[in-house]
């Protein structure tokens, strides 16, 4: 058993900054996705920060990164900083996602203006 979502991600995808831990288990992506799906926002953010500290790095697949940001935003829907981080990631992997990223930026602006 992995001690954290980050450790599980490291085992499945590797880590650009740290060696992949040897845990002796067979890794199937769908088990990681199940854990990610039900993880709390802080665990997901920790994973993203550790495995992708810059927007254009890390070994996490783009679809995993996008899913992670989506799950965080569902748990924390009114945090402009998180919306902007998700938008930045989407812009990087666009242009298919540029309209969604632009909407996240607009929503973040609206939240900041209302505050």
PDB file of N, CA and C in Angstrom:
ATOM      1  N   UNK A   1       0.845  -1.180   0.000  1.00  0.00           N
ATOM      2  CA  UNK A   1       0.000   0.000   0.000  1.00  0.00           C
ATOM      3  C   UNK A   1       0.890   1.243   0.000  1.00  0.00           C
ATOM      4  N   UNK A   2       0.506   2.215  -0.743  1.00  0.00           N
ATOM      5  CA  UNK A   2       1.251   3.463  -0.781  1.00  0.00           C
ATOM      6  C   UNK A   2       0.802   4.356   0.367  1.00  0.00           C
ATOM      7  N   UNK A   3       1.735   5.132   0.879  1.00  0.00           N
ATOM      8  CA  UNK A   3       1.406   5.964   2.038  1.00  0.00           C
ATOM      9  C   UNK A   3       0.706   7.261   1.645  1.00  0.00           C
ATOM     10  N   UNK A   4       0.747   7.621   0.355  1.00  0.00           N
ATOM     11  CA  UNK A   4       0.104   8.864  -0.077  1.00  0.00           C
ATOM     12  C   UNK A   4      -0.227   8.787  -1.565  1.00  0.00           C
ATOM     13  N   UNK A   5      -1.068   9.693  -1.989  1.00  0.00           N
ATOM     14  CA  UNK A   5      -1.392   9.814  -3.404  1.00  0.00           C
ATOM     15  C   UNK A   5      -0.133  10.138  -4.206  1.00  0.00           C
ATOM     16  N   UNK A   6       0.716  10.994  -3.661  1.00  0.00           N
ATOM     17  CA  UNK A   6       1.955  11.364  -4.335  1.00  0.00           C
ATOM     18  C   UNK A   6       2.854  10.144  -4.535  1.00  0.00           C
ATOM     19  N   UNK A   7       2.993   9.338  -3.510  1.00  0.00           N
ATOM     20  CA  UNK A   7       3.821   8.135  -3.619  1.00  0.00           C
ATOM     21  C   UNK A   7       3.254   7.182  -4.668  1.00  0.00           C
ATOM     22  N   UNK A   8       1.939   7.049  -4.679  1.00  0.00           N
ATOM     23  CA  UNK A   8       1.297   6.180  -5.663  1.00  0.00           C
ATOM     24  C   UNK A   8       1.556   6.708  -7.081  1.00  0.00           C
ATOM     25  N   UNK A   9       1.423   8.004  -7.272  1.00  0.00           N
ATOM     26  CA  UNK A   9       1.684   8.615  -8.583  1.00  0.00           C
ATOM     27  C   UNK A   9       3.140   8.400  -8.998  1.00  0.00           C
ATOM     28  N   UNK A  10       4.052   8.563  -8.058  1.00  0.00           N
ATOM     29  CA  UNK A  10       5.479   8.334  -8.346  1.00  0.00           C
ATOM     30  C   UNK A  10       5.725   6.912  -8.833  1.00  0.00           C
ATOM     31  N   UNK A  11       5.086   5.954  -8.181  1.00  0.00           N
ATOM     32  CA  UNK A  11       5.260   4.558  -8.572  1.00  0.00           C
ATOM     33  C   UNK A  11       4.696   4.288  -9.963  1.00  0.00           C
ATOM     34  N   UNK A  12       3.567   4.892 -10.284  1.00  0.00           N
ATOM     35  CA  UNK A  12       2.917   4.636 -11.568  1.00  0.00           C
ATOM     36  C   UNK A  12       3.595   5.384 -12.712  1.00  0.00           C
ATOM     37  N   UNK A  13       3.906   6.663 -12.492  1.00  0.00           N
ATOM     38  CA  UNK A  13       4.377   7.514 -13.597  1.00  0.00           C
ATOM     39  C   UNK A  13       5.853   7.904 -13.507  1.00  0.00           C
ATOM     40  N   UNK A  14       6.456   7.722 -12.361  1.00  0.00           N
ATOM     41  CA  UNK A  14       7.823   8.186 -12.171  1.00  0.00           C
ATOM     42  C   UNK A  14       7.834   9.634 -11.704  1.00  0.00           C
ATOM     43  N   UNK A  15       9.018  10.137 -11.454  1.00  0.00           N
ATOM     44  CA  UNK A  15       9.172  11.497 -10.942  1.00  0.00           C
ATOM     45  C   UNK A  15      10.421  12.098 -11.577  1.00  0.00           C
ATOM     46  N   UNK A  16      10.254  13.230 -12.182  1.00  0.00           N
ATOM     47  CA  UNK A  16      11.362  13.913 -12.837  1.00  0.00           C
ATOM     48  C   UNK A  16      12.425  14.368 -11.842  1.00  0.00           C
ATOM     49  N   UNK A  17      12.066  14.522 -10.571  1.00  0.00           N
ATOM     50  CA  UNK A  17      12.946  15.122  -9.577  1.00  0.00           C
ATOM     51  C   UNK A  17      13.452  14.157  -8.518  1.00  0.00           C
ATOM     52  N   UNK A  18      12.796  13.030  -8.368  1.00  0.00           N
ATOM     53  CA  UNK A  18      13.204  12.056  -7.365  1.00  0.00           C
ATOM     54  C   UNK A  18      13.154  10.661  -7.984  1.00  0.00           C
ATOM     55  N   UNK A  19      13.930   9.743  -7.431  1.00  0.00           N
ATOM     56  CA  UNK A  19      13.869   8.380  -7.963  1.00  0.00           C
ATOM     57  C   UNK A  19      12.497   7.750  -7.688  1.00  0.00           C
ATOM     58  N   UNK A  20      12.101   6.883  -8.581  1.00  0.00           N
ATOM     59  CA  UNK A  20      10.851   6.155  -8.387  1.00  0.00           C
ATOM     60  C   UNK A  20      11.060   5.138  -7.275  1.00  0.00           C
ATOM     61  N   UNK A  21      10.206   5.160  -6.265  1.00  0.00           N
ATOM     62  CA  UNK A  21      10.382   4.210  -5.166  1.00  0.00           C
ATOM     63  C   UNK A  21      10.135   2.784  -5.639  1.00  0.00           C
ATOM     64  N   UNK A  22      10.851   1.869  -5.037  1.00  0.00           N
ATOM     65  CA  UNK A  22      10.630   0.454  -5.332  1.00  0.00           C
ATOM     66  C   UNK A  22       9.706  -0.091  -4.261  1.00  0.00           C
ATOM     67  N   UNK A  23       8.515  -0.435  -4.669  1.00  0.00           N
ATOM     68  CA  UNK A  23       7.572  -0.926  -3.664  1.00  0.00           C
ATOM     69  C   UNK A  23       7.190  -2.383  -3.902  1.00  0.00           C
ATOM     70  N   UNK A  24       7.651  -2.972  -5.001  1.00  0.00           N
ATOM     71  CA  UNK A  24       7.411  -4.392  -5.222  1.00  0.00           C
ATOM     72  C   UNK A  24       6.004  -4.752  -5.644  1.00  0.00           C
ATOM     73  N   UNK A  25       5.202  -3.761  -6.008  1.00  0.00           N
ATOM     74  CA  UNK A  25       3.826  -4.040  -6.421  1.00  0.00           C
ATOM     75  C   UNK A  25       3.681  -3.818  -7.914  1.00  0.00           C
ATOM     76  N   UNK A  26       2.734  -4.526  -8.502  1.00  0.00           N
ATOM     77  CA  UNK A  26       2.377  -4.261  -9.886  1.00  0.00           C
ATOM     78  C   UNK A  26       1.481  -3.017  -9.890  1.00  0.00           C
ATOM     79  N   UNK A  27       1.757  -2.117 -10.798  1.00  0.00           N
ATOM     80  CA  UNK A  27       0.984  -0.873 -10.825  1.00  0.00           C
ATOM     81  C   UNK A  27       0.062  -0.835 -12.026  1.00  0.00           C
ATOM     82  N   UNK A  28      -1.167  -0.635 -11.734  1.00  0.00           N
ATOM     83  CA  UNK A  28      -2.175  -0.489 -12.772  1.00  0.00           C
ATOM     84  C   UNK A  28      -2.749   0.913 -12.650  1.00  0.00           C
ATOM     85  N   UNK A  29      -2.763   1.590 -13.774  1.00  0.00           N
ATOM     86  CA  UNK A  29      -3.185   2.993 -13.778  1.00  0.00           C
ATOM     87  C   UNK A  29      -4.583   3.181 -13.206  1.00  0.00           C
ATOM     88  N   UNK A  30      -5.486   2.259 -13.468  1.00  0.00           N
ATOM     89  CA  UNK A  30      -6.854   2.460 -13.001  1.00  0.00           C
ATOM     90  C   UNK A  30      -6.953   2.469 -11.467  1.00  0.00           C
ATOM     91  N   UNK A  31      -6.060   1.790 -10.770  1.00  0.00           N
ATOM     92  CA  UNK A  31      -6.081   1.857  -9.308  1.00  0.00           C
ATOM     93  C   UNK A  31      -5.660   3.249  -8.830  1.00  0.00           C
ATOM     94  N   UNK A  32      -4.672   3.820  -9.513  1.00  0.00           N
ATOM     95  CA  UNK A  32      -4.270   5.181  -9.171  1.00  0.00           C
ATOM     96  C   UNK A  32      -5.417   6.158  -9.453  1.00  0.00           C
ATOM     97  N   UNK A  33      -6.075   6.015 -10.585  1.00  0.00           N
ATOM     98  CA  UNK A  33      -7.178   6.917 -10.942  1.00  0.00           C
ATOM     99  C   UNK A  33      -8.314   6.799  -9.928  1.00  0.00           C
ATOM    100  N   UNK A  34      -8.573   5.601  -9.448  1.00  0.00           N
ATOM    101  CA  UNK A  34      -9.589   5.433  -8.406  1.00  0.00           C
ATOM    102  C   UNK A  34      -9.190   6.197  -7.143  1.00  0.00           C
ATOM    103  N   UNK A  35      -7.933   6.080  -6.749  1.00  0.00           N
ATOM    104  CA  UNK A  35      -7.483   6.799  -5.554  1.00  0.00           C
ATOM    105  C   UNK A  35      -7.562   8.308  -5.772  1.00  0.00           C
ATOM    106  N   UNK A  36      -7.135   8.764  -6.937  1.00  0.00           N
ATOM    107  CA  UNK A  36      -7.211  10.192  -7.269  1.00  0.00           C
ATOM    108  C   UNK A  36      -8.645  10.695  -7.226  1.00  0.00           C
ATOM    109  N   UNK A  37      -9.558   9.925  -7.753  1.00  0.00           N
ATOM    110  CA  UNK A  37     -10.967  10.319  -7.827  1.00  0.00           C
ATOM    111  C   UNK A  37     -11.550  10.641  -6.458  1.00  0.00           C
ATOM    112  N   UNK A  38     -11.139   9.919  -5.443  1.00  0.00           N
ATOM    113  CA  UNK A  38     -11.717  10.112  -4.115  1.00  0.00           C
ATOM    114  C   UNK A  38     -10.767  10.802  -3.136  1.00  0.00           C
ATOM    115  N   UNK A  39      -9.668  11.335  -3.647  1.00  0.00           N
ATOM    116  CA  UNK A  39      -8.703  12.029  -2.784  1.00  0.00           C
ATOM    117  C   UNK A  39      -9.217  13.408  -2.408  1.00  0.00           C
ATOM    118  N   UNK A  40      -8.784  13.879  -1.256  1.00  0.00           N
ATOM    119  CA  UNK A  40      -9.136  15.234  -0.850  1.00  0.00           C
ATOM    120  C   UNK A  40      -8.274  16.232  -1.620  1.00  0.00           C
ATOM    121  N   UNK A  41      -8.740  17.466  -1.655  1.00  0.00           N
ATOM    122  CA  UNK A  41      -8.076  18.508  -2.446  1.00  0.00           C
ATOM    123  C   UNK A  41      -6.618  18.701  -2.035  1.00  0.00           C
ATOM    124  N   UNK A  42      -6.334  18.671  -0.755  1.00  0.00           N
ATOM    125  CA  UNK A  42      -4.952  18.909  -0.308  1.00  0.00           C
ATOM    126  C   UNK A  42      -4.012  17.800  -0.772  1.00  0.00           C
ATOM    127  N   UNK A  43      -4.469  16.560  -0.755  1.00  0.00           N
ATOM    128  CA  UNK A  43      -3.638  15.448  -1.244  1.00  0.00           C
ATOM    129  C   UNK A  43      -3.347  15.600  -2.731  1.00  0.00           C
ATOM    130  N   UNK A  44      -4.344  16.027  -3.484  1.00  0.00           N
ATOM    131  CA  UNK A  44      -4.162  16.220  -4.922  1.00  0.00           C
ATOM    132  C   UNK A  44      -3.198  17.371  -5.178  1.00  0.00           C
ATOM    133  N   UNK A  45      -3.375  18.472  -4.463  1.00  0.00           N
ATOM    134  CA  UNK A  45      -2.485  19.623  -4.647  1.00  0.00           C
ATOM    135  C   UNK A  45      -1.051  19.282  -4.252  1.00  0.00           C
ATOM    136  N   UNK A  46      -0.884  18.513  -3.204  1.00  0.00           N
ATOM    137  CA  UNK A  46       0.453  18.081  -2.801  1.00  0.00           C
ATOM    138  C   UNK A  46       1.099  17.275  -3.916  1.00  0.00           C
ATOM    139  N   UNK A  47       0.351  16.371  -4.506  1.00  0.00           N
ATOM    140  CA  UNK A  47       0.870  15.568  -5.611  1.00  0.00           C
ATOM    141  C   UNK A  47       1.288  16.464  -6.775  1.00  0.00           C
ATOM    142  N   UNK A  48       0.424  17.406  -7.150  1.00  0.00           N
ATOM    143  CA  UNK A  48       0.746  18.297  -8.269  1.00  0.00           C
ATOM    144  C   UNK A  48       1.974  19.150  -7.963  1.00  0.00           C
ATOM    145  N   UNK A  49       2.056  19.664  -6.754  1.00  0.00           N
ATOM    146  CA  UNK A  49       3.201  20.504  -6.375  1.00  0.00           C
ATOM    147  C   UNK A  49       4.518  19.727  -6.375  1.00  0.00           C
ATOM    148  N   UNK A  50       4.471  18.491  -5.909  1.00  0.00           N
ATOM    149  CA  UNK A  50       5.702  17.698  -5.825  1.00  0.00           C
ATOM    150  C   UNK A  50       6.128  17.124  -7.172  1.00  0.00           C
ATOM    151  N   UNK A  51       5.160  16.669  -7.963  1.00  0.00           N
ATOM    152  CA  UNK A  51       5.511  16.020  -9.220  1.00  0.00           C
ATOM    153  C   UNK A  51       5.570  16.984 -10.402  1.00  0.00           C
ATOM    154  N   UNK A  52       4.930  18.121 -10.286  1.00  0.00           N
ATOM    155  CA  UNK A  52       4.899  19.125 -11.365  1.00  0.00           C
ATOM    156  C   UNK A  52       5.070  20.520 -10.762  1.00  0.00           C
ATOM    157  N   UNK A  53       6.207  20.803 -10.150  1.00  0.00           N
ATOM    158  CA  UNK A  53       6.355  22.094  -9.477  1.00  0.00           C
ATOM    159  C   UNK A  53       6.315  23.293 -10.421  1.00  0.00           C
ATOM    160  N   UNK A  54       6.607  23.057 -11.687  1.00  0.00           N
ATOM    161  CA  UNK A  54       6.484  24.096 -12.711  1.00  0.00           C
ATOM    162  C   UNK A  54       5.406  23.635 -13.684  1.00  0.00           C
ATOM    163  N   UNK A  55       4.753  24.549 -14.310  1.00  0.00           N
ATOM    164  CA  UNK A  55       3.597  24.188 -15.136  1.00  0.00           C
ATOM    165  C   UNK A  55       3.952  23.257 -16.298  1.00  0.00           C
ATOM    166  N   UNK A  56       5.186  23.290 -16.766  1.00  0.00           N
ATOM    167  CA  UNK A  56       5.521  22.509 -17.967  1.00  0.00           C
ATOM    168  C   UNK A  56       6.482  21.364 -17.677  1.00  0.00           C
ATOM    169  N   UNK A  57       6.408  20.775 -16.518  1.00  0.00           N
ATOM    170  CA  UNK A  57       7.323  19.691 -16.197  1.00  0.00           C
ATOM    171  C   UNK A  57       6.576  18.517 -15.607  1.00  0.00           C
ATOM    172  N   UNK A  58       7.329  17.528 -15.222  1.00  0.00           N
ATOM    173  CA  UNK A  58       6.750  16.362 -14.577  1.00  0.00           C
ATOM    174  C   UNK A  58       6.366  15.285 -15.579  1.00  0.00           C
ATOM    175  N   UNK A  59       6.188  14.087 -15.057  1.00  0.00           N
ATOM    176  CA  UNK A  59       5.854  12.936 -15.886  1.00  0.00           C
ATOM    177  C   UNK A  59       4.374  12.570 -15.848  1.00  0.00           C
ATOM    178  N   UNK A  60       3.572  13.309 -15.077  1.00  0.00           N
ATOM    179  CA  UNK A  60       2.149  13.001 -15.066  1.00  0.00           C
ATOM    180  C   UNK A  60       1.577  13.222 -16.457  1.00  0.00           C
ATOM    181  N   UNK A  61       0.781  12.283 -16.957  1.00  0.00           N
ATOM    182  CA  UNK A  61       0.142  12.510 -18.247  1.00  0.00           C
ATOM    183  C   UNK A  61      -0.770  13.739 -18.184  1.00  0.00           C
ATOM    184  N   UNK A  62      -0.926  14.382 -19.310  1.00  0.00           N
ATOM    185  CA  UNK A  62      -1.749  15.597 -19.376  1.00  0.00           C
ATOM    186  C   UNK A  62      -3.156  15.309 -18.865  1.00  0.00           C
ATOM    187  N   UNK A  63      -3.723  14.188 -19.250  1.00  0.00           N
ATOM    188  CA  UNK A  63      -5.100  13.908 -18.843  1.00  0.00           C
ATOM    189  C   UNK A  63      -5.202  13.707 -17.332  1.00  0.00           C
ATOM    190  N   UNK A  64      -4.172  13.167 -16.696  1.00  0.00           N
ATOM    191  CA  UNK A  64      -4.170  13.014 -15.238  1.00  0.00           C
ATOM    192  C   UNK A  64      -4.073  14.388 -14.587  1.00  0.00           C
ATOM    193  N   UNK A  65      -3.218  15.237 -15.116  1.00  0.00           N
ATOM    194  CA  UNK A  65      -3.076  16.595 -14.575  1.00  0.00           C
ATOM    195  C   UNK A  65      -4.395  17.361 -14.695  1.00  0.00           C
ATOM    196  N   UNK A  66      -5.040  17.269 -15.861  1.00  0.00           N
ATOM    197  CA  UNK A  66      -6.326  17.958 -16.060  1.00  0.00           C
ATOM    198  C   UNK A  66      -7.394  17.407 -15.117  1.00  0.00           C
ATOM    199  N   UNK A  67      -7.441  16.094 -14.981  1.00  0.00           N
ATOM    200  CA  UNK A  67      -8.406  15.481 -14.066  1.00  0.00           C
ATOM    201  C   UNK A  67      -8.141  15.925 -12.631  1.00  0.00           C
ATOM    202  N   UNK A  68      -6.881  15.967 -12.241  1.00  0.00           N
ATOM    203  CA  UNK A  68      -6.530  16.386 -10.881  1.00  0.00           C
ATOM    204  C   UNK A  68      -7.012  17.806 -10.609  1.00  0.00           C
ATOM    205  N   UNK A  69      -6.753  18.721 -11.540  1.00  0.00           N
ATOM    206  CA  UNK A  69      -7.221  20.093 -11.342  1.00  0.00           C
ATOM    207  C   UNK A  69      -8.747  20.153 -11.294  1.00  0.00           C
ATOM    208  N   UNK A  70      -9.410  19.385 -12.136  1.00  0.00           N
ATOM    209  CA  UNK A  70     -10.883  19.376 -12.137  1.00  0.00           C
ATOM    210  C   UNK A  70     -11.412  18.905 -10.787  1.00  0.00           C
ATOM    211  N   UNK A  71     -10.822  17.856 -10.257  1.00  0.00           N
ATOM    212  CA  UNK A  71     -11.273  17.330  -8.967  1.00  0.00           C
ATOM    213  C   UNK A  71     -11.027  18.325  -7.835  1.00  0.00           C
ATOM    214  N   UNK A  72      -9.907  19.027  -7.889  1.00  0.00           N
ATOM    215  CA  UNK A  72      -9.627  20.052  -6.878  1.00  0.00           C
ATOM    216  C   UNK A  72     -10.648  21.183  -6.976  1.00  0.00           C
ATOM    217  N   UNK A  73     -10.941  21.624  -8.201  1.00  0.00           N
ATOM    218  CA  UNK A  73     -11.894  22.723  -8.372  1.00  0.00           C
ATOM    219  C   UNK A  73     -13.315  22.335  -7.974  1.00  0.00           C
ATOM    220  N   UNK A  74     -13.658  21.072  -8.090  1.00  0.00           N
ATOM    221  CA  UNK A  74     -14.969  20.631  -7.606  1.00  0.00           C
ATOM    222  C   UNK A  74     -15.042  20.722  -6.082  1.00  0.00           C
ATOM    223  N   UNK A  75     -13.910  20.484  -5.420  1.00  0.00           N
ATOM    224  CA  UNK A  75     -13.878  20.547  -3.959  1.00  0.00           C
ATOM    225  C   UNK A  75     -13.682  21.964  -3.445  1.00  0.00           C
ATOM    226  N   UNK A  76     -13.019  22.791  -4.237  1.00  0.00           N
ATOM    227  CA  UNK A  76     -12.741  24.180  -3.853  1.00  0.00           C
ATOM    228  C   UNK A  76     -13.132  25.098  -5.008  1.00  0.00           C
ATOM    229  N   UNK A  77     -14.421  25.268  -5.209  1.00  0.00           N
ATOM    230  CA  UNK A  77     -14.895  25.964  -6.413  1.00  0.00           C
ATOM    231  C   UNK A  77     -14.693  27.478  -6.437  1.00  0.00           C
ATOM    232  N   UNK A  78     -14.369  28.078  -5.335  1.00  0.00           N
ATOM    233  CA  UNK A  78     -14.296  29.540  -5.281  1.00  0.00           C
ATOM    234  C   UNK A  78     -12.909  30.067  -4.943  1.00  0.00           C
ATOM    235  N   UNK A  79     -11.882  29.397  -5.432  1.00  0.00           N
ATOM    236  CA  UNK A  79     -10.515  29.829  -5.157  1.00  0.00           C
ATOM    237  C   UNK A  79      -9.841  30.269  -6.457  1.00  0.00           C
ATOM    238  N   UNK A  80      -9.762  31.585  -6.661  1.00  0.00           N
ATOM    239  CA  UNK A  80      -9.191  32.108  -7.905  1.00  0.00           C
ATOM    240  C   UNK A  80      -7.783  31.594  -8.203  1.00  0.00           C
ATOM    241  N   UNK A  81      -6.958  31.447  -7.192  1.00  0.00           N
ATOM    242  CA  UNK A  81      -5.587  30.975  -7.410  1.00  0.00           C
ATOM    243  C   UNK A  81      -5.575  29.580  -8.039  1.00  0.00           C
ATOM    244  N   UNK A  82      -6.459  28.705  -7.565  1.00  0.00           N
ATOM    245  CA  UNK A  82      -6.545  27.362  -8.132  1.00  0.00           C
ATOM    246  C   UNK A  82      -7.107  27.394  -9.550  1.00  0.00           C
ATOM    247  N   UNK A  83      -8.073  28.265  -9.784  1.00  0.00           N
ATOM    248  CA  UNK A  83      -8.625  28.402 -11.133  1.00  0.00           C
ATOM    249  C   UNK A  83      -7.548  28.843 -12.113  1.00  0.00           C
ATOM    250  N   UNK A  84      -6.728  29.783 -11.688  1.00  0.00           N
ATOM    251  CA  UNK A  84      -5.660  30.274 -12.564  1.00  0.00           C
ATOM    252  C   UNK A  84      -4.603  29.194 -12.814  1.00  0.00           C
ATOM    253  N   UNK A  85      -4.292  28.406 -11.804  1.00  0.00           N
ATOM    254  CA  UNK A  85      -3.322  27.310 -11.984  1.00  0.00           C
ATOM    255  C   UNK A  85      -3.866  26.276 -12.968  1.00  0.00           C
ATOM    256  N   UNK A  86      -5.141  25.940 -12.830  1.00  0.00           N
ATOM    257  CA  UNK A  86      -5.759  24.992 -13.757  1.00  0.00           C
ATOM    258  C   UNK A  86      -5.775  25.574 -15.170  1.00  0.00           C
ATOM    259  N   UNK A  87      -6.111  26.847 -15.287  1.00  0.00           N
ATOM    260  CA  UNK A  87      -6.133  27.499 -16.603  1.00  0.00           C
ATOM    261  C   UNK A  87      -4.750  27.495 -17.237  1.00  0.00           C
ATOM    262  N   UNK A  88      -3.729  27.782 -16.452  1.00  0.00           N
ATOM    263  CA  UNK A  88      -2.366  27.804 -16.971  1.00  0.00           C
ATOM    264  C   UNK A  88      -1.979  26.432 -17.535  1.00  0.00           C
ATOM    265  N   UNK A  89      -2.340  25.379 -16.828  1.00  0.00           N
ATOM    266  CA  UNK A  89      -2.055  24.025 -17.297  1.00  0.00           C
ATOM    267  C   UNK A  89      -2.827  23.731 -18.587  1.00  0.00           C
ATOM    268  N   UNK A  90      -4.075  24.142 -18.636  1.00  0.00           N
ATOM    269  CA  UNK A  90      -4.873  23.906 -19.839  1.00  0.00           C
ATOM    270  C   UNK A  90      -4.325  24.670 -21.039  1.00  0.00           C
ATOM    271  N   UNK A  91      -3.926  25.924 -20.835  1.00  0.00           N
ATOM    272  CA  UNK A  91      -3.345  26.696 -21.933  1.00  0.00           C
ATOM    273  C   UNK A  91      -2.089  26.015 -22.479  1.00  0.00           C
ATOM    274  N   UNK A  92      -1.303  25.468 -21.593  1.00  0.00           N
ATOM    275  CA  UNK A  92      -0.072  24.805 -22.004  1.00  0.00           C
ATOM    276  C   UNK A  92      -0.351  23.626 -22.934  1.00  0.00           C
ATOM    277  N   UNK A  93      -1.456  22.948 -22.714  1.00  0.00           N
ATOM    278  CA  UNK A  93      -1.763  21.743 -23.470  1.00  0.00           C
ATOM    279  C   UNK A  93      -2.884  21.960 -24.478  1.00  0.00           C
ATOM    280  N   UNK A  94      -3.168  23.216 -24.801  1.00  0.00           N
ATOM    281  CA  UNK A  94      -4.218  23.574 -25.761  1.00  0.00           C
ATOM    282  C   UNK A  94      -3.745  23.377 -27.172  1.00  0.00           C
ATOM    283  N   UNK A  95      -4.461  23.896 -28.124  1.00  0.00           N
ATOM    284  CA  UNK A  95      -5.524  24.895 -28.013  1.00  0.00           C
ATOM    285  C   UNK A  95      -6.908  24.308 -27.756  1.00  0.00           C
ATOM    286  N   UNK A  96      -7.016  22.991 -27.715  1.00  0.00           N
ATOM    287  CA  UNK A  96      -8.332  22.372 -27.511  1.00  0.00           C
ATOM    288  C   UNK A  96      -9.005  22.827 -26.228  1.00  0.00           C
ATOM    289  N   UNK A  97      -8.210  23.207 -25.244  1.00  0.00           N
ATOM    290  CA  UNK A  97      -8.747  23.544 -23.928  1.00  0.00           C
ATOM    291  C   UNK A  97      -8.748  25.048 -23.660  1.00  0.00           C
ATOM    292  N   UNK A  98      -8.353  25.852 -24.638  1.00  0.00           N
ATOM    293  CA  UNK A  98      -8.214  27.294 -24.411  1.00  0.00           C
ATOM    294  C   UNK A  98      -9.517  27.966 -23.987  1.00  0.00           C
ATOM    295  N   UNK A  99     -10.649  27.520 -24.530  1.00  0.00           N
ATOM    296  CA  UNK A  99     -11.921  28.141 -24.140  1.00  0.00           C
ATOM    297  C   UNK A  99     -12.255  27.852 -22.679  1.00  0.00           C
ATOM    298  N   UNK A 100     -11.952  26.660 -22.216  1.00  0.00           N
ATOM    299  CA  UNK A 100     -12.190  26.308 -20.805  1.00  0.00           C
ATOM    300  C   UNK A 100     -11.231  27.092 -19.917  1.00  0.00           C
ATOM    301  N   UNK A 101      -9.980  27.211 -20.346  1.00  0.00           N
ATOM    302  CA  UNK A 101      -8.996  27.982 -19.583  1.00  0.00           C
ATOM    303  C   UNK A 101      -9.409  29.447 -19.490  1.00  0.00           C
ATOM    304  N   UNK A 102      -9.872  30.012 -20.585  1.00  0.00           N
ATOM    305  CA  UNK A 102     -10.311  31.417 -20.587  1.00  0.00           C
ATOM    306  C   UNK A 102     -11.497  31.604 -19.641  1.00  0.00           C
ATOM    307  N   UNK A 103     -12.409  30.636 -19.629  1.00  0.00           N
ATOM    308  CA  UNK A 103     -13.555  30.716 -18.710  1.00  0.00           C
ATOM    309  C   UNK A 103     -13.081  30.661 -17.256  1.00  0.00           C
ATOM    310  N   UNK A 104     -12.113  29.821 -16.956  1.00  0.00           N
ATOM    311  CA  UNK A 104     -11.567  29.760 -15.591  1.00  0.00           C
ATOM    312  C   UNK A 104     -10.939  31.097 -15.203  1.00  0.00           C
ATOM    313  N   UNK A 105     -10.199  31.709 -16.136  1.00  0.00           N
ATOM    314  CA  UNK A 105      -9.610  33.029 -15.859  1.00  0.00           C
ATOM    315  C   UNK A 105     -10.695  34.077 -15.611  1.00  0.00           C
ATOM    316  N   UNK A 106     -11.757  34.055 -16.409  1.00  0.00           N
ATOM    317  CA  UNK A 106     -12.867  35.012 -16.211  1.00  0.00           C
ATOM    318  C   UNK A 106     -13.538  34.806 -14.857  1.00  0.00           C
ATOM    319  N   UNK A 107     -13.769  33.554 -14.508  1.00  0.00           N
ATOM    320  CA  UNK A 107     -14.386  33.256 -13.203  1.00  0.00           C
ATOM    321  C   UNK A 107     -13.494  33.699 -12.061  1.00  0.00           C
ATOM    322  N   UNK A 108     -12.191  33.485 -12.192  1.00  0.00           N
ATOM    323  CA  UNK A 108     -11.243  33.930 -11.153  1.00  0.00           C
ATOM    324  C   UNK A 108     -11.280  35.450 -11.031  1.00  0.00           C
ATOM    325  N   UNK A 109     -11.292  36.154 -12.157  1.00  0.00           N
ATOM    326  CA  UNK A 109     -11.379  37.618 -12.139  1.00  0.00           C
ATOM    327  C   UNK A 109     -12.654  38.078 -11.442  1.00  0.00           C
ATOM    328  N   UNK A 110     -13.772  37.438 -11.768  1.00  0.00           N
ATOM    329  CA  UNK A 110     -15.058  37.808 -11.172  1.00  0.00           C
ATOM    330  C   UNK A 110     -15.044  37.590  -9.657  1.00  0.00           C
ATOM    331  N   UNK A 111     -14.476  36.492  -9.213  1.00  0.00           N
ATOM    332  CA  UNK A 111     -14.400  36.224  -7.772  1.00  0.00           C
ATOM    333  C   UNK A 111     -13.533  37.264  -7.065  1.00  0.00           C
ATOM    334  N   UNK A 112     -12.419  37.631  -7.684  1.00  0.00           N
ATOM    335  CA  UNK A 112     -11.532  38.628  -7.071  1.00  0.00           C
ATOM    336  C   UNK A 112     -12.178  40.003  -7.050  1.00  0.00           C
ATOM    337  N   UNK A 113     -12.912  40.333  -8.097  1.00  0.00           N
ATOM    338  CA  UNK A 113     -13.592  41.624  -8.163  1.00  0.00           C
ATOM    339  C   UNK A 113     -14.692  41.717  -7.111  1.00  0.00           C
ATOM    340  N   UNK A 114     -15.387  40.615  -6.892  1.00  0.00           N
ATOM    341  CA  UNK A 114     -16.479  40.600  -5.911  1.00  0.00           C
ATOM    342  C   UNK A 114     -15.977  40.654  -4.486  1.00  0.00           C
ATOM    343  N   UNK A 115     -14.732  40.275  -4.268  1.00  0.00           N
ATOM    344  CA  UNK A 115     -14.198  40.210  -2.905  1.00  0.00           C
ATOM    345  C   UNK A 115     -13.844  41.561  -2.334  1.00  0.00           C
TER     346      UNK A 115
END
